[in-house]
Amino acid sequence: MSLEPLTHTVMDLTMASRRRRGPGPAGRTHDTWSLDLPGFGHSGKPDDLPIMVGLADAVAAWLDAAGLARPCPAYWAGPAAARWPVDGAARFTGRTGALVLVGPTVDPHARLVGQWLRNAVRESPRMTPLNVADYRDAGPRRVPASFGASLRDRIEDKLLYVDLPVLVVRGGKDRMVSQVWAEEVTRLLPHGRLSVMDGLPHMVPYRDPHGLAREVATFLREVGS
């Protein structure tokens, strides 16, 4: 597939930007943006509950307003899974240059709350106050609505339509994203590649941000050449 050169932009599309204060390691080589999605973090709290398609539309509108040309959205694992970034990439063809999915949930073979609980024991306890703050800011209606939507959505039906380079990253000890599912996601993507970071749980960006930044930088160099 012929690609235009990528702009040096990595977007960290977490639920709330407090998880990545400052540009982090990726900011040393790329312009890095952290977004608070509608209803999350310090963003406005709309009366409705924009989920999946609505969130993808909001990010697309932000990209247009910011004037970013063909950025590389990097979705760091979280409760809304990779659903809305994939939805946006599938619908807004050519709007982004590449995509990074870190810990793409939800594994269709394990759409159970138990997966979250089993993985939690491997995560750093320092994640707890961040999670509590995110849930507090989102509110008691938005959190269960987002969680429920992520469980119902079938990302596997959309991956075929993501016609751009995609890096899938999995922590080797991730109990939420199995190796089988990570390989299936990569296989379904027309231009997917998989990187497994040994010894890490689900929240790869929090446990090894420097290693992840190197993976992303290598990926962008290769697909942007």
Protein backbone atom coordinates (compact mmCIF):
# COMPACT_ATOMS: atom_id res chain seq x y z
CA MET A 1 0.00 0.00 0.00
CA SER A 2 1.35 3.41 -0.92
CA LEU A 3 1.53 5.83 2.00
CA GLU A 4 2.14 9.53 2.24
CA PRO A 5 4.80 10.51 4.79
CA LEU A 6 3.32 10.57 8.27
CA THR A 7 3.26 13.72 10.30
CA HIS A 8 5.14 13.48 13.58
CA THR A 9 2.03 13.40 15.71
CA VAL A 10 1.05 10.76 18.24
CA MET A 11 -2.28 11.19 19.99
CA ASP A 12 -2.82 9.54 23.33
CA LEU A 13 -6.55 8.79 23.35
CA THR A 14 -7.05 7.70 26.93
CA MET A 15 -10.21 8.38 28.86
CA ALA A 16 -8.50 11.14 30.82
CA SER A 17 -5.20 12.86 30.16
CA ARG A 18 -4.12 12.65 33.82
CA ARG A 19 -2.81 9.18 33.02
CA ARG A 20 -0.09 10.81 30.92
CA ARG A 21 1.03 14.10 32.41
CA GLY A 22 3.41 15.82 30.03
CA PRO A 23 4.49 14.40 26.66
CA GLY A 24 6.16 11.30 28.08
CA PRO A 25 8.89 9.37 26.22
CA ALA A 26 7.07 9.62 22.87
CA GLY A 27 7.25 13.40 23.14
CA ARG A 28 11.00 13.29 22.57
CA THR A 29 10.59 12.24 18.95
CA HIS A 30 7.01 13.21 18.05
CA ASP A 31 4.49 15.91 18.77
CA THR A 32 2.26 14.30 21.38
CA TRP A 33 -1.31 15.22 22.28
CA SER A 34 -3.43 13.87 25.15
CA LEU A 35 -7.18 14.27 24.81
CA ASP A 36 -9.97 14.23 27.36
CA LEU A 37 -12.92 12.73 25.53
CA PRO A 38 -16.41 14.26 25.92
CA GLY A 39 -17.68 13.39 29.37
CA PHE A 40 -14.30 12.28 30.74
CA GLY A 41 -11.48 13.98 32.62
CA HIS A 42 -11.60 17.78 32.38
CA SER A 43 -13.68 17.75 29.21
CA GLY A 44 -17.25 19.06 29.15
CA LYS A 45 -20.04 16.81 30.40
CA PRO A 46 -22.73 16.61 27.71
CA ASP A 47 -26.22 15.62 28.82
CA ASP A 48 -26.26 12.67 26.46
CA LEU A 49 -23.80 9.79 26.71
CA PRO A 50 -21.68 9.78 23.53
CA ILE A 51 -20.34 6.27 23.12
CA MET A 52 -18.33 4.60 20.35
CA VAL A 53 -19.58 6.39 17.21
CA GLY A 54 -20.12 9.64 19.11
CA LEU A 55 -16.61 9.57 20.57
CA ALA A 56 -15.07 8.80 17.18
CA ASP A 57 -16.98 11.74 15.67
CA ALA A 58 -15.76 14.02 18.48
CA VAL A 59 -12.12 13.09 17.85
CA ALA A 60 -12.53 13.59 14.10
CA ALA A 61 -13.98 17.04 14.73
CA TRP A 62 -11.08 17.88 17.04
CA LEU A 63 -8.56 16.79 14.40
CA ASP A 64 -10.21 19.08 11.85
CA ALA A 65 -10.25 22.00 14.31
CA ALA A 66 -6.59 21.43 15.28
CA GLY A 67 -5.51 21.16 11.66
CA LEU A 68 -3.46 18.02 12.19
CA ALA A 69 -2.57 16.32 8.90
CA ARG A 70 -2.69 12.52 8.93
CA PRO A 71 -1.75 11.94 12.58
CA CYS A 72 -1.16 8.55 14.20
CA PRO A 73 -3.78 8.06 16.93
CA ALA A 74 -2.36 5.84 19.65
CA TYR A 75 -5.01 4.25 21.84
CA TRP A 76 -3.59 3.19 25.20
CA ALA A 77 -5.68 0.40 26.71
CA GLY A 78 -8.69 1.35 28.82
CA PRO A 79 -12.31 0.56 29.61
CA ALA A 80 -13.79 1.71 26.29
CA ALA A 81 -11.44 -0.71 24.54
CA ALA A 82 -10.29 -0.02 21.00
CA ARG A 83 -13.85 0.31 19.79
CA TRP A 84 -14.24 3.96 18.93
CA PRO A 85 -10.71 4.47 17.49
CA VAL A 86 -11.33 1.49 15.19
CA ASP A 87 -14.79 2.82 14.34
CA GLY A 88 -13.33 6.20 13.44
CA ALA A 89 -10.48 4.74 11.37
CA ALA A 90 -12.94 2.53 9.46
CA ARG A 91 -15.34 5.39 8.68
CA PHE A 92 -12.93 8.31 8.17
CA THR A 93 -10.70 6.70 5.55
CA GLY A 94 -7.52 8.65 4.88
CA ARG A 95 -7.98 10.96 7.86
CA THR A 96 -5.17 9.35 9.85
CA GLY A 97 -1.81 8.01 8.73
CA ALA A 98 -1.58 5.02 11.07
CA LEU A 99 -3.07 3.62 14.26
CA VAL A 100 -1.65 2.05 17.42
CA LEU A 101 -3.86 -0.20 19.55
CA VAL A 102 -2.39 -1.13 22.92
CA GLY A 103 -4.24 -3.98 24.61
CA PRO A 104 -7.29 -3.96 22.28
CA THR A 105 -10.29 -5.18 24.25
CA VAL A 106 -12.77 -6.73 24.49
CA ASP A 107 -11.68 -10.30 23.75
CA PRO A 108 -14.89 -11.91 22.38
CA HIS A 109 -13.91 -15.19 24.01
CA ALA A 110 -13.85 -13.57 27.44
CA ARG A 111 -16.38 -10.72 27.61
CA LEU A 112 -16.68 -11.04 31.37
CA VAL A 113 -16.07 -8.71 34.28
CA GLY A 114 -13.89 -11.49 35.70
CA GLN A 115 -11.25 -10.69 33.09
CA TRP A 116 -10.84 -7.22 34.58
CA LEU A 117 -10.62 -8.62 38.08
CA ARG A 118 -8.05 -11.29 37.19
CA ASN A 119 -5.86 -8.77 35.45
CA ALA A 120 -6.07 -6.25 38.29
CA VAL A 121 -3.76 -8.27 40.53
CA ARG A 122 -0.93 -7.83 38.00
CA GLU A 123 -1.29 -4.05 37.68
CA SER A 124 0.52 -1.48 39.77
CA PRO A 125 -1.45 -0.31 42.84
CA ARG A 126 -0.52 3.21 41.78
CA MET A 127 -3.18 2.85 39.06
CA THR A 128 -5.95 2.78 41.67
CA PRO A 129 -6.15 6.52 42.43
CA LEU A 130 -6.06 7.29 38.70
CA ASN A 131 -8.93 4.88 38.04
CA VAL A 132 -10.95 6.28 40.94
CA ALA A 133 -10.43 9.85 39.68
CA ASP A 134 -11.46 8.89 36.14
CA TYR A 135 -14.63 7.18 37.34
CA ARG A 136 -15.46 10.10 39.64
CA ASP A 137 -15.11 12.65 36.86
CA ALA A 138 -17.13 10.57 34.39
CA GLY A 139 -19.98 10.06 36.83
CA PRO A 140 -22.20 7.14 37.83
CA ARG A 141 -24.15 7.04 34.53
CA ARG A 142 -21.31 7.33 32.03
CA VAL A 143 -19.02 4.66 33.48
CA PRO A 144 -21.46 1.70 33.33
CA ALA A 145 -22.81 2.93 29.98
CA SER A 146 -19.31 2.97 28.48
CA PHE A 147 -18.47 -0.39 29.98
CA GLY A 148 -21.68 -1.95 28.70
CA ALA A 149 -21.22 -0.54 25.22
CA SER A 150 -17.69 -1.93 25.00
CA LEU A 151 -18.96 -5.39 25.93
CA ARG A 152 -21.70 -5.31 23.29
CA ASP A 153 -19.66 -3.88 20.44
CA ARG A 154 -18.09 -6.32 17.96
CA ILE A 155 -14.77 -4.83 16.98
CA GLU A 156 -14.00 -7.92 14.91
CA ASP A 157 -16.65 -6.86 12.39
CA LYS A 158 -14.92 -3.51 11.73
CA LEU A 159 -11.23 -4.36 11.58
CA LEU A 160 -11.35 -5.40 7.91
CA TYR A 161 -12.34 -1.84 6.98
CA VAL A 162 -9.37 -0.18 8.72
CA ASP A 163 -7.29 0.37 5.59
CA LEU A 164 -4.14 1.83 7.13
CA PRO A 165 -1.07 0.54 8.99
CA VAL A 166 -1.95 -0.61 12.51
CA LEU A 167 0.41 -1.66 15.29
CA VAL A 168 -1.21 -3.99 17.85
CA VAL A 169 0.65 -4.13 21.17
CA ARG A 170 0.03 -6.74 23.88
CA GLY A 171 1.65 -7.21 27.26
CA GLY A 172 2.97 -10.74 27.56
CA LYS A 173 1.16 -11.25 30.90
CA ASP A 174 -2.05 -9.46 29.93
CA ARG A 175 -5.00 -11.36 31.42
CA MET A 176 -7.57 -9.23 29.55
CA VAL A 177 -6.18 -9.59 26.04
CA SER A 178 -5.14 -13.15 25.20
CA GLN A 179 -2.40 -13.95 22.72
CA VAL A 180 -5.00 -15.71 20.55
CA TRP A 181 -7.17 -12.58 20.45
CA ALA A 182 -4.22 -10.25 19.77
CA GLU A 183 -3.21 -12.45 16.84
CA GLU A 184 -6.80 -12.52 15.55
CA VAL A 185 -7.03 -8.72 15.68
CA THR A 186 -3.77 -8.47 13.75
CA ARG A 187 -4.93 -11.04 11.18
CA LEU A 188 -8.23 -9.26 10.56
CA LEU A 189 -6.51 -5.93 9.93
CA PRO A 190 -5.50 -5.49 6.26
CA HIS A 191 -2.16 -3.94 7.32
CA GLY A 192 -1.70 -5.06 10.92
CA ARG A 193 1.41 -6.07 12.80
CA LEU A 194 1.75 -7.42 16.33
CA SER A 195 4.28 -6.61 19.03
CA VAL A 196 4.26 -8.55 22.33
CA MET A 197 6.11 -6.90 25.21
CA ASP A 198 7.29 -9.66 27.51
CA GLY A 199 6.45 -9.68 31.20
CA LEU A 200 3.96 -6.82 31.12
CA PRO A 201 0.26 -6.79 32.16
CA HIS A 202 -2.57 -4.93 30.44
CA MET A 203 -1.51 -1.35 31.17
CA VAL A 204 1.67 -1.43 29.10
CA PRO A 205 1.99 2.39 28.83
CA TYR A 206 2.01 2.75 32.59
CA ARG A 207 4.45 -0.08 33.29
CA ASP A 208 6.95 0.49 30.47
CA PRO A 209 6.35 3.84 28.73
CA HIS A 210 9.89 3.99 27.35
CA GLY A 211 9.66 0.53 25.79
CA LEU A 212 6.29 1.34 24.26
CA ALA A 213 7.59 4.65 22.90
CA ARG A 214 10.41 2.76 21.16
CA GLU A 215 7.92 0.32 19.62
CA VAL A 216 5.74 3.16 18.34
CA ALA A 217 8.69 5.17 17.02
CA THR A 218 10.03 2.15 15.11
CA PHE A 219 6.58 1.49 13.67
CA LEU A 220 6.15 5.09 12.50
CA ARG A 221 9.58 5.14 10.87
CA GLU A 222 8.84 1.94 8.97
CA VAL A 223 5.36 2.81 7.71
CA GLY A 224 6.26 6.42 6.99
CA SER A 225 9.25 5.65 4.82
